[in-house]
Structure formats: structure tokens, C-alpha cells
N, C-alpha and C. Protein backbone atom coordinates (compact mmCIF):
# COMPACT_ATOMS: atom_id res chain seq x y z
N MET A 1 6.41 31.46 -21.96
CA MET A 1 5.74 30.43 -21.34
C MET A 1 6.89 29.22 -21.21
N GLU A 2 7.07 28.50 -20.14
CA GLU A 2 7.82 27.24 -19.97
C GLU A 2 7.48 26.01 -21.00
N ARG A 3 8.25 25.49 -21.44
CA ARG A 3 7.83 24.24 -22.29
C ARG A 3 8.62 23.11 -22.02
N GLY A 4 7.87 22.07 -22.07
CA GLY A 4 8.70 20.85 -21.75
C GLY A 4 9.01 20.23 -23.06
N PRO A 5 9.60 18.77 -23.19
CA PRO A 5 9.86 18.22 -24.34
C PRO A 5 8.66 18.13 -25.11
N VAL A 6 8.91 18.26 -26.38
CA VAL A 6 7.71 17.96 -27.28
C VAL A 6 7.81 16.75 -28.15
N GLU A 7 6.93 16.11 -28.44
CA GLU A 7 6.95 14.83 -29.14
C GLU A 7 5.98 14.89 -30.48
N ILE A 8 6.27 13.83 -31.60
CA ILE A 8 5.57 13.96 -32.56
C ILE A 8 5.12 12.33 -32.54
N LEU A 9 3.85 11.97 -32.84
CA LEU A 9 3.44 10.83 -32.80
C LEU A 9 2.68 10.73 -34.29
N PHE A 10 2.90 9.75 -34.95
CA PHE A 10 2.36 9.59 -36.46
C PHE A 10 1.77 8.29 -36.57
N LEU A 11 0.37 8.24 -36.90
CA LEU A 11 -0.56 7.03 -36.88
C LEU A 11 -0.85 6.90 -38.28
N SER A 12 -0.74 5.73 -38.53
CA SER A 12 -1.35 5.50 -40.09
C SER A 12 -2.27 4.11 -39.72
N MET A 13 -3.50 3.99 -40.62
CA MET A 13 -4.55 3.45 -40.40
C MET A 13 -5.12 3.20 -41.69
N ALA A 14 -6.27 2.30 -41.73
CA ALA A 14 -6.96 2.19 -43.07
C ALA A 14 -7.97 3.33 -42.94
N ASP A 15 -8.52 3.71 -44.10
CA ASP A 15 -9.48 5.04 -44.39
C ASP A 15 -10.65 4.81 -43.61
N ASP A 16 -11.12 3.62 -43.26
CA ASP A 16 -12.38 3.25 -42.48
C ASP A 16 -12.17 3.32 -40.93
N VAL A 17 -11.05 3.59 -40.56
CA VAL A 17 -10.86 3.76 -38.99
C VAL A 17 -11.98 4.94 -38.51
N GLU A 18 -12.62 4.62 -37.50
CA GLU A 18 -13.49 5.49 -36.81
C GLU A 18 -12.86 6.71 -36.24
N LEU A 19 -12.88 7.71 -36.66
CA LEU A 19 -12.39 9.03 -36.10
C LEU A 19 -12.75 9.06 -34.77
N GLY A 20 -13.93 8.94 -34.44
CA GLY A 20 -14.46 9.08 -33.13
C GLY A 20 -13.62 8.14 -32.18
N ASP A 21 -13.22 7.18 -32.38
CA ASP A 21 -12.52 6.18 -31.58
C ASP A 21 -10.95 6.86 -31.33
N LEU A 22 -10.63 7.05 -32.40
CA LEU A 22 -9.09 8.01 -32.32
C LEU A 22 -9.35 9.10 -31.33
N ALA A 23 -10.28 9.91 -31.90
CA ALA A 23 -10.20 11.08 -30.92
C ALA A 23 -10.59 10.87 -29.45
N ALA A 24 -11.29 9.92 -29.15
CA ALA A 24 -11.54 9.46 -27.76
C ALA A 24 -10.23 8.90 -27.16
N VAL A 25 -9.40 8.28 -27.76
CA VAL A 25 -8.02 8.11 -27.30
C VAL A 25 -7.22 9.29 -26.88
N LEU A 26 -7.28 10.31 -27.87
CA LEU A 26 -6.58 11.36 -27.51
C LEU A 26 -7.24 12.27 -26.55
N ARG A 27 -8.49 12.33 -26.56
CA ARG A 27 -9.27 13.39 -25.62
C ARG A 27 -8.90 13.02 -24.25
N GLN A 28 -8.81 11.81 -23.84
CA GLN A 28 -8.54 11.38 -22.31
C GLN A 28 -7.35 11.94 -21.77
N PRO A 29 -6.15 11.74 -22.47
CA PRO A 29 -5.03 12.42 -21.83
C PRO A 29 -5.00 13.90 -21.82
N VAL A 30 -5.63 14.36 -22.78
CA VAL A 30 -5.61 16.01 -23.01
C VAL A 30 -6.57 16.57 -21.75
N GLU A 31 -7.71 15.92 -21.51
CA GLU A 31 -8.71 16.46 -20.43
C GLU A 31 -8.11 15.98 -19.29
N SER A 32 -7.43 15.09 -18.96
CA SER A 32 -6.79 14.72 -17.74
C SER A 32 -5.64 15.66 -17.20
N GLY A 33 -5.21 16.38 -18.25
CA GLY A 33 -4.06 17.46 -18.00
C GLY A 33 -2.73 16.57 -18.08
N VAL A 34 -2.81 15.42 -18.71
CA VAL A 34 -1.16 14.76 -18.85
C VAL A 34 -0.54 15.14 -20.16
N ILE A 35 -1.21 15.56 -21.25
CA ILE A 35 -0.67 16.22 -22.54
C ILE A 35 -1.37 17.32 -22.84
N ARG A 36 -0.64 18.04 -23.48
CA ARG A 36 -1.40 19.17 -24.38
C ARG A 36 -1.06 18.93 -25.97
N ILE A 37 -1.94 19.12 -26.79
CA ILE A 37 -1.80 18.86 -28.14
C ILE A 37 -1.70 20.18 -28.81
N ILE A 38 -0.42 20.37 -29.31
CA ILE A 38 0.18 21.47 -30.01
C ILE A 38 -0.17 21.93 -31.55
N ASP A 39 -0.04 20.64 -31.98
CA ASP A 39 -0.67 20.63 -33.56
C ASP A 39 -0.94 19.30 -34.01
N CYS A 40 -2.11 19.14 -34.98
CA CYS A 40 -2.59 18.02 -35.28
C CYS A 40 -3.11 17.90 -36.77
N VAL A 41 -2.55 17.04 -37.63
CA VAL A 41 -2.59 17.02 -38.98
C VAL A 41 -3.38 15.74 -39.25
N LEU A 42 -4.59 15.64 -39.88
CA LEU A 42 -5.06 14.61 -40.42
C LEU A 42 -4.64 14.35 -42.01
N MET A 43 -4.45 13.29 -42.46
CA MET A 43 -3.96 12.93 -43.91
C MET A 43 -4.66 11.81 -44.41
N SER A 44 -5.05 11.70 -45.78
CA SER A 44 -5.29 10.62 -46.34
C SER A 44 -4.70 10.69 -47.88
N LYS A 45 -4.81 9.21 -48.06
CA LYS A 45 -4.21 8.98 -49.60
C LYS A 45 -5.13 8.12 -50.16
N ASP A 46 -6.15 8.61 -51.26
CA ASP A 46 -6.86 7.75 -52.00
C ASP A 46 -6.52 6.70 -52.64
N ALA A 47 -7.27 5.92 -53.05
CA ALA A 47 -6.84 4.69 -53.97
C ALA A 47 -5.96 4.86 -55.15
N GLY A 48 -6.12 6.06 -55.73
CA GLY A 48 -5.47 6.50 -56.79
C GLY A 48 -4.34 7.19 -56.45
N GLY A 49 -3.76 7.37 -54.96
CA GLY A 49 -2.46 7.91 -54.46
C GLY A 49 -2.82 9.47 -54.38
N SER A 50 -3.88 10.18 -54.63
CA SER A 50 -4.00 11.58 -54.34
C SER A 50 -3.91 11.88 -52.79
N PHE A 51 -3.28 12.70 -52.31
CA PHE A 51 -3.02 13.04 -51.11
C PHE A 51 -3.67 14.49 -50.61
N ARG A 52 -4.20 14.23 -49.53
CA ARG A 52 -4.91 15.51 -48.81
C ARG A 52 -4.57 15.63 -47.34
N ALA A 53 -4.24 16.86 -46.65
CA ALA A 53 -3.91 17.12 -45.31
C ALA A 53 -4.94 18.04 -44.89
N LEU A 54 -5.41 17.94 -43.61
CA LEU A 54 -6.20 18.76 -43.03
C LEU A 54 -5.69 19.24 -41.58
N ASP A 55 -5.42 20.49 -41.33
CA ASP A 55 -4.68 20.89 -40.26
C ASP A 55 -5.87 20.93 -39.21
N LEU A 56 -6.14 20.27 -38.24
CA LEU A 56 -7.40 20.15 -37.34
C LEU A 56 -7.39 21.42 -36.60
N GLU A 57 -6.51 21.96 -35.93
CA GLU A 57 -6.96 23.16 -35.32
C GLU A 57 -7.31 24.47 -36.00
N GLU A 58 -7.26 24.38 -37.39
CA GLU A 58 -7.42 25.36 -38.39
C GLU A 58 -8.87 25.24 -39.05
N ALA A 59 -9.10 23.97 -39.13
CA ALA A 59 -10.31 23.44 -39.78
C ALA A 59 -11.73 23.88 -39.26
N GLU A 60 -12.40 24.21 -40.05
CA GLU A 60 -14.08 24.65 -39.89
C GLU A 60 -14.79 23.51 -40.22
N GLY A 61 -15.84 23.12 -39.58
CA GLY A 61 -16.62 22.15 -39.98
C GLY A 61 -16.20 20.70 -39.88
N LEU A 62 -15.36 20.63 -38.68
CA LEU A 62 -14.97 19.23 -38.35
C LEU A 62 -15.93 18.28 -38.27
N PRO A 63 -15.59 16.97 -38.56
CA PRO A 63 -16.42 16.10 -38.31
C PRO A 63 -16.75 16.10 -36.70
N ALA A 64 -18.03 15.78 -36.33
CA ALA A 64 -18.44 15.87 -34.95
C ALA A 64 -17.50 14.91 -33.89
N GLU A 65 -17.30 13.88 -34.47
CA GLU A 65 -16.25 12.97 -33.30
C GLU A 65 -14.76 13.76 -33.15
N LEU A 66 -14.65 14.70 -33.94
CA LEU A 66 -13.49 15.56 -33.53
C LEU A 66 -13.69 17.14 -32.89
N SER A 67 -14.72 17.29 -33.10
CA SER A 67 -15.15 18.72 -32.40
C SER A 67 -14.86 18.56 -31.08
N GLY A 68 -14.35 19.73 -30.53
CA GLY A 68 -14.36 19.63 -29.02
C GLY A 68 -12.66 19.11 -28.47
N LEU A 69 -12.14 18.51 -29.44
CA LEU A 69 -10.73 18.11 -29.05
C LEU A 69 -9.88 19.32 -28.93
N GLN A 70 -9.38 19.51 -27.79
CA GLN A 70 -8.36 20.73 -27.42
C GLN A 70 -7.06 20.81 -28.15
N ILE A 71 -7.05 21.49 -29.29
CA ILE A 71 -5.62 21.58 -29.94
C ILE A 71 -5.20 23.22 -30.07
N ASP A 72 -4.16 23.38 -29.54
CA ASP A 72 -3.49 24.76 -29.59
C ASP A 72 -3.43 25.34 -30.96
N ALA A 73 -3.34 26.56 -31.24
CA ALA A 73 -3.33 27.29 -32.46
C ALA A 73 -1.78 27.30 -33.16
N ASN A 74 -1.12 26.33 -33.22
CA ASN A 74 0.39 26.48 -33.72
C ASN A 74 0.20 25.49 -34.83
N ASP A 75 1.37 26.01 -35.79
CA ASP A 75 1.59 25.04 -36.96
C ASP A 75 3.11 24.65 -36.79
N LEU A 76 3.40 23.77 -35.99
CA LEU A 76 4.82 23.51 -35.83
C LEU A 76 5.06 22.47 -36.88
N LEU A 77 4.13 21.62 -37.45
CA LEU A 77 4.60 20.63 -38.52
C LEU A 77 4.57 21.61 -39.84
N SER A 78 5.78 21.39 -40.50
CA SER A 78 5.99 22.10 -41.80
C SER A 78 5.58 21.17 -42.65
N ASP A 79 5.38 21.95 -44.05
CA ASP A 79 5.33 21.40 -45.29
C ASP A 79 6.16 20.17 -45.49
N ALA A 80 7.30 20.24 -45.24
CA ALA A 80 8.45 19.03 -45.43
C ALA A 80 7.87 18.20 -44.32
N ASP A 81 7.52 18.25 -43.28
CA ASP A 81 7.23 17.25 -42.13
C ASP A 81 6.00 16.38 -42.77
N ILE A 82 4.91 17.07 -43.45
CA ILE A 82 3.71 16.61 -43.89
C ILE A 82 4.03 15.67 -45.21
N GLU A 83 4.94 16.39 -45.94
CA GLU A 83 5.46 15.24 -47.19
C GLU A 83 6.11 14.18 -46.76
N THR A 84 7.02 14.29 -45.56
CA THR A 84 7.38 12.97 -45.07
C THR A 84 6.41 11.88 -44.69
N PHE A 85 5.51 12.38 -43.92
CA PHE A 85 4.41 11.41 -43.52
C PHE A 85 3.69 10.89 -44.53
N ALA A 86 3.38 11.81 -45.51
CA ALA A 86 2.62 11.30 -47.01
C ALA A 86 3.44 10.16 -47.40
N THR A 87 4.76 10.33 -47.60
CA THR A 87 5.30 9.00 -48.17
C THR A 87 5.02 7.78 -47.39
N ALA A 88 4.66 7.85 -46.39
CA ALA A 88 4.64 6.75 -45.17
C ALA A 88 3.25 6.09 -45.43
N LEU A 89 2.38 6.78 -46.32
CA LEU A 89 1.05 6.23 -46.34
C LEU A 89 1.02 5.47 -47.66
N GLU A 90 0.06 4.17 -47.69
CA GLU A 90 -0.15 3.74 -48.84
C GLU A 90 -1.43 4.15 -49.38
N PRO A 91 -1.88 3.99 -50.56
CA PRO A 91 -3.10 4.28 -51.39
C PRO A 91 -4.19 3.56 -50.29
N GLY A 92 -5.44 4.34 -50.14
CA GLY A 92 -6.16 3.77 -49.04
C GLY A 92 -5.75 3.89 -47.58
N GLN A 93 -4.98 4.67 -47.19
CA GLN A 93 -4.57 4.77 -45.89
C GLN A 93 -5.00 6.06 -45.47
N ALA A 94 -4.93 6.20 -44.26
CA ALA A 94 -5.26 7.73 -43.51
C ALA A 94 -3.98 7.71 -42.50
N GLY A 95 -3.76 8.94 -42.10
CA GLY A 95 -2.61 9.08 -40.94
C GLY A 95 -2.89 10.35 -40.28
N LEU A 96 -2.59 10.33 -38.95
CA LEU A 96 -2.74 11.37 -38.09
C LEU A 96 -1.51 11.69 -37.54
N ALA A 97 -0.79 12.96 -37.48
CA ALA A 97 0.31 13.59 -36.87
C ALA A 97 -0.15 14.35 -35.83
N VAL A 98 0.40 14.07 -34.76
CA VAL A 98 0.07 14.82 -33.39
C VAL A 98 1.40 15.41 -32.83
N VAL A 99 1.42 16.51 -32.85
CA VAL A 99 2.71 17.25 -31.85
C VAL A 99 2.19 17.36 -30.41
N TYR A 100 2.74 16.86 -29.52
CA TYR A 100 2.05 17.01 -28.15
C TYR A 100 3.41 17.32 -27.12
N GLU A 101 2.99 17.89 -26.06
CA GLU A 101 3.94 18.05 -24.91
C GLU A 101 3.27 17.50 -23.62
N GLN A 102 4.23 16.69 -23.23
CA GLN A 102 3.87 16.04 -21.79
C GLN A 102 3.97 16.98 -20.66
N ILE A 103 2.71 17.31 -20.20
CA ILE A 103 2.55 18.21 -18.83
C ILE A 103 3.62 17.87 -17.92
N TRP A 104 3.63 16.69 -17.35
CA TRP A 104 4.26 16.39 -16.27
C TRP A 104 6.15 17.01 -16.48
N ALA A 105 6.47 16.62 -17.95
CA ALA A 105 7.86 16.89 -18.32
C ALA A 105 8.17 18.41 -18.36
N ARG A 106 7.03 19.05 -18.58
CA ARG A 106 7.10 20.49 -18.58
C ARG A 106 7.50 20.97 -17.25
N GLU A 107 6.69 20.38 -16.19
CA GLU A 107 6.83 20.83 -14.90
C GLU A 107 8.13 20.51 -14.27
N ALA A 108 8.47 19.08 -14.73
CA ALA A 108 9.62 18.53 -14.21
C ALA A 108 10.72 19.27 -14.96
N VAL A 109 10.84 19.89 -16.05
CA VAL A 109 12.10 20.60 -16.68
C VAL A 109 12.33 21.88 -15.65
N GLY A 110 10.99 22.72 -15.29
CA GLY A 110 11.06 23.79 -14.78
C GLY A 110 11.62 23.49 -13.42
N ARG A 111 11.59 22.39 -12.78
CA ARG A 111 12.17 22.26 -11.19
C ARG A 111 13.42 21.87 -11.60
N ILE A 112 13.73 20.83 -12.63
CA ILE A 112 15.40 20.70 -12.94
C ILE A 112 16.12 22.00 -13.15
N ARG A 113 15.69 22.98 -13.76
CA ARG A 113 16.43 24.00 -14.16
C ARG A 113 16.56 25.12 -12.92
N SER A 114 15.54 24.75 -12.05
CA SER A 114 15.47 25.68 -10.72
C SER A 114 16.53 25.14 -9.80
N VAL A 115 17.15 24.04 -9.86
CA VAL A 115 18.29 23.61 -9.13
C VAL A 115 19.53 23.49 -10.03
N GLY A 116 19.39 24.12 -10.97
CA GLY A 116 20.93 24.50 -11.94
C GLY A 116 21.16 23.35 -12.72
N ALA A 117 20.30 22.34 -13.16
CA ALA A 117 20.53 21.29 -13.92
C ALA A 117 19.64 21.49 -15.31
N GLU A 118 20.28 20.98 -16.26
CA GLU A 118 19.57 20.75 -17.74
C GLU A 118 19.42 19.64 -18.05
N VAL A 119 18.23 19.61 -18.85
CA VAL A 119 17.95 18.20 -19.80
C VAL A 119 18.72 18.19 -20.94
N GLU A 120 19.57 17.39 -20.95
CA GLU A 120 20.77 17.15 -22.42
C GLU A 120 20.10 16.31 -23.22
N LEU A 121 19.33 15.20 -22.78
CA LEU A 121 18.79 14.45 -23.96
C LEU A 121 17.44 13.71 -23.44
N PHE A 122 16.57 13.87 -24.35
CA PHE A 122 15.33 13.38 -24.11
C PHE A 122 14.97 12.36 -25.22
N LEU A 123 14.95 11.02 -24.94
CA LEU A 123 14.75 10.09 -25.95
C LEU A 123 13.58 9.27 -25.86
N ARG A 124 12.73 8.98 -27.09
CA ARG A 124 11.57 8.27 -27.08
C ARG A 124 12.05 6.93 -27.52
N VAL A 125 11.72 5.91 -26.96
CA VAL A 125 11.95 4.28 -27.47
C VAL A 125 10.69 3.92 -27.77
N PRO A 126 10.51 3.36 -29.19
CA PRO A 126 9.49 2.81 -29.57
C PRO A 126 8.92 1.67 -29.02
N PRO A 127 7.61 1.51 -28.84
CA PRO A 127 7.00 0.19 -27.94
C PRO A 127 7.72 -1.11 -28.52
N GLU A 128 7.76 -1.24 -29.75
CA GLU A 128 8.27 -2.49 -30.33
C GLU A 128 9.77 -2.85 -29.73
N ASP A 129 10.48 -1.72 -29.51
CA ASP A 129 11.92 -1.81 -28.98
C ASP A 129 11.94 -2.18 -27.51
N VAL A 130 10.94 -1.57 -26.68
CA VAL A 130 10.60 -1.78 -25.35
C VAL A 130 10.44 -3.36 -25.17
N ASP A 131 9.47 -3.91 -25.86
CA ASP A 131 9.12 -5.23 -25.82
C ASP A 131 10.35 -6.03 -26.13
N VAL A 132 11.17 -5.80 -26.97
CA VAL A 132 12.59 -6.98 -27.35
C VAL A 132 13.54 -6.50 -26.20
N ALA A 133 13.77 -5.27 -25.87
CA ALA A 133 14.48 -5.38 -24.60
C ALA A 133 14.10 -6.04 -23.41
N PHE A 134 12.64 -5.96 -23.06
CA PHE A 134 12.32 -6.59 -21.95
C PHE A 134 12.35 -8.36 -22.12
N ALA A 135 12.04 -8.54 -23.23
CA ALA A 135 12.17 -10.03 -23.60
C ALA A 135 13.50 -10.59 -23.55
N SER A 136 14.40 -9.73 -23.82
CA SER A 136 16.00 -10.08 -24.01
C SER A 136 16.57 -10.17 -22.60
N ALA A 137 15.89 -9.25 -21.60
CA ALA A 137 16.37 -9.04 -20.19
C ALA A 137 15.56 -10.31 -19.46
N ALA A 138 14.64 -10.96 -19.97
CA ALA A 138 13.99 -11.94 -19.18
C ALA A 138 14.60 -13.31 -19.43
N ARG A 139 15.45 -13.35 -20.61
CA ARG A 139 16.25 -14.77 -20.70
C ARG A 139 17.33 -15.03 -19.74
């Protein structure tokens, strides 16, 4: 299977954020064919600092708001990755790590290779940095 660039998105939030709202945000680009979720891990750190992680594509009995979210059966996030994310969470916070492929990029990479070229760099710029760049350019 030809694959395009794969990205990891890590979200942190208060423990009381509605999972249904978050799932709806992810469900829309999946169902429209824009992205494919490859791996997805929900994490939480309770007030005492105890950490839990749940690999969503392997979990049974998911909360209703997460059921039906299309996630491939892959484990690309390692235990070391999850430990790194865990250190970013404060007690009372939850986190969601999403590994996803942009479908348009996979198709573009295939076409790029068919003409004899290769993608040498794929760089994601955080939204905050984009805002700063546009503000600087507007001066």
C-alpha cells in the first residue's frame, strides 16, 4: 500500500472535556476522506498523578461518543511515545494522541513519484507560528 506523510497530533485538555465533541471534530475529516486515522490513544492523569492510557482501536466497550470512529488497527505509537505525552499532562488533564495520514498527500506523493521526483521534506508548522509569521509579514 502506498502511504503518504503521517503526522502525530497530541491534544491536552481538562478531564471534563466532552469526548463526543472531540470525536465529532475527528469524525468529519475521516468520513469525508481527507484523513485516515492510523493510531489513536486516549490518556488521562488523575489528581493524584496516576496515569492511564487506552488504545482506542483495540479497546472494547468504548464510550458511545467514540464508537464508530474509524481507526485502523495499527500500533504506531510506542510505549516511549506515550510516556513522552504523559509527561506533558498535568494532574487532572486528559490527552489524545492521533496518528493520521492526509489522504490528499498520499495521492500527491504517488503522482510525484510517478514523474521521477521524491518528497525530501515534509514539515508541519504549528498554528501559533503561522499566526506570528503572518503578523510579521503584515507589518
